[in-house]
Protein backbone atom coordinates (compact mmCIF):
# COMPACT_ATOMS: atom_id res chain seq x y z
CA GLN A 1 21.44 -1.10 -1.63
CA VAL A 2 18.96 0.16 0.94
CA GLN A 3 15.55 -1.71 0.75
CA LEU A 4 12.35 -1.14 2.64
CA VAL A 5 10.13 -4.09 3.06
CA GLU A 6 6.67 -3.68 4.45
CA SER A 7 4.09 -6.16 5.75
CA GLY A 8 0.93 -6.50 7.46
CA GLY A 9 -1.71 -5.48 5.03
CA GLY A 10 -4.99 -7.24 4.65
CA LEU A 11 -8.65 -7.19 4.69
CA VAL A 12 -10.58 -6.25 7.91
CA GLN A 13 -14.02 -5.37 9.08
CA ALA A 14 -14.79 -1.82 9.99
CA GLY A 15 -13.84 -1.35 13.68
CA GLY A 16 -11.15 -3.83 13.36
CA SER A 17 -7.39 -3.41 13.81
CA LEU A 18 -4.29 -4.02 11.75
CA ARG A 19 -0.42 -3.53 12.38
CA LEU A 20 1.84 -2.81 9.54
CA SER A 21 5.55 -3.25 9.76
CA CYS A 22 8.52 -1.86 7.82
CA VAL A 23 12.12 -2.94 7.88
CA ALA A 24 15.00 -0.97 6.38
CA SER A 25 17.76 -3.32 5.31
CA GLY A 26 21.15 -2.63 3.74
CA SER A 27 23.99 -0.42 4.78
CA ILE A 28 22.63 2.64 6.58
CA ASN A 29 24.57 5.40 8.08
CA SER A 30 21.62 6.97 9.94
CA ILE A 31 17.71 7.54 9.78
CA ASN A 32 16.19 11.00 9.99
CA THR A 33 12.63 10.02 9.68
CA MET A 34 10.37 6.96 9.61
CA GLY A 35 6.79 7.25 8.11
CA TRP A 36 3.73 5.78 6.55
CA TYR A 37 1.75 7.23 3.59
CA ARG A 38 -1.23 6.11 1.88
CA GLN A 39 -2.84 6.45 -1.61
CA ILE A 40 -6.40 5.79 -2.68
CA PRO A 41 -6.74 5.41 -6.46
CA GLY A 42 -7.18 8.70 -8.11
CA ASN A 43 -5.97 10.58 -5.22
CA GLN A 44 -2.46 11.98 -4.39
CA ARG A 45 -0.36 10.00 -1.84
CA GLU A 46 -0.78 11.50 1.66
CA LEU A 47 1.05 11.44 4.83
CA VAL A 48 -0.47 9.17 7.51
CA ALA A 49 2.16 9.28 10.25
CA ARG A 50 5.77 10.16 10.75
CA ILE A 51 8.30 9.83 13.54
CA PHE A 52 11.43 11.74 13.72
CA SER A 53 14.78 10.83 14.99
CA GLY A 54 14.35 12.76 18.26
CA GLY A 55 10.97 10.83 18.82
CA SER A 56 8.54 13.37 18.04
CA THR A 57 5.58 12.42 15.80
CA ASN A 58 2.76 13.79 13.58
CA TYR A 59 -0.30 12.33 12.21
CA ALA A 60 -2.88 13.06 9.70
CA ASP A 61 -5.93 14.55 11.35
CA SER A 62 -8.16 11.77 10.06
CA VAL A 63 -6.18 9.14 11.86
CA LYS A 64 -5.42 10.79 15.22
CA GLY A 65 -6.40 8.84 18.10
CA ARG A 66 -6.69 5.78 15.99
CA PHE A 67 -3.32 5.05 14.46
CA THR A 68 0.04 4.99 16.37
CA ILE A 69 3.44 4.91 15.02
CA SER A 70 6.22 3.38 16.65
CA ARG A 71 9.74 2.14 16.15
CA ASP A 72 12.57 -0.09 17.09
CA SER A 73 15.60 2.03 16.16
CA ALA A 74 18.15 -0.63 16.83
CA LYS A 75 16.44 -2.83 14.16
CA ASN A 76 15.75 -0.10 11.55
CA THR A 77 12.18 -1.12 12.02
CA TRP A 78 8.83 0.87 12.48
CA PHE A 79 5.22 0.16 12.75
CA LEU A 80 1.81 1.53 12.20
CA GLN A 81 -0.78 0.29 14.65
CA MET A 82 -4.25 0.86 13.17
CA ASN A 83 -7.24 0.75 15.39
CA GLY A 84 -10.94 1.57 14.76
CA LEU A 85 -10.43 1.07 10.99
CA LYS A 86 -12.90 2.77 8.80
CA PRO A 87 -13.95 2.05 5.02
CA GLU A 88 -12.24 5.32 4.28
CA ASP A 89 -8.90 4.06 5.47
CA THR A 90 -8.90 1.68 2.48
CA ALA A 91 -5.81 2.42 0.54
CA VAL A 92 -2.38 1.27 -0.44
CA TYR A 93 -0.01 1.91 2.50
CA TYR A 94 3.61 2.85 1.90
CA CYS A 95 6.32 3.08 4.41
CA ASN A 96 9.09 5.46 3.73
CA SER A 97 12.21 6.91 5.29
CA LEU A 98 14.61 9.66 5.02
CA LEU A 99 17.85 8.09 5.60
CA TRP A 100 21.60 8.26 4.72
CA GLU A 101 22.76 5.17 2.95
CA SER A 102 26.42 4.30 3.47
CA GLY A 103 28.41 5.65 0.70
CA GLY A 104 25.73 8.24 -0.26
CA THR A 105 26.24 12.04 -0.36
CA GLY A 106 23.50 12.58 2.14
CA PRO A 107 19.99 11.68 3.33
CA ARG A 108 17.38 10.84 0.77
CA LEU A 109 13.89 9.32 0.66
CA TYR A 110 13.36 5.53 0.29
CA TRP A 111 9.90 3.89 -0.28
CA GLY A 112 8.47 0.51 0.29
CA GLN A 113 6.38 -1.07 -2.47
CA GLY A 114 3.06 -0.68 -0.76
CA THR A 115 0.68 -2.92 1.02
CA GLN A 116 -3.14 -2.88 0.40
CA VAL A 117 -5.35 -2.28 3.47
CA THR A 118 -9.10 -2.95 2.68
CA VAL A 119 -11.58 -2.21 5.34
CA SER A 120 -15.13 -3.50 4.70
CA SER A 121 -18.33 -1.91 5.79
């Protein structure tokens, strides 16, 4: 079964940096998208960054210029480099992917379990 495992969360001071990683394991035919979402308690989960199979990316306006998504496609791994962190970035961050699991009928979304990022003021 496909599993997404993320790491890199933690506590940082405002202005600091953090790098999140996500690894998709299991039997995978192909990956359409790799992405990062975040959720603050009481709020909806929101897109932070996403990269498509062709290499194009999109970002939430609130993180443009500060966050960068990248990937190592050969290793089914992707990253979120977060610079210039602000207290309002505090959230649980989830990696996700639209991918086609071997034996599946087509692509579907998979999610990591989430990692806490806390930015102190």
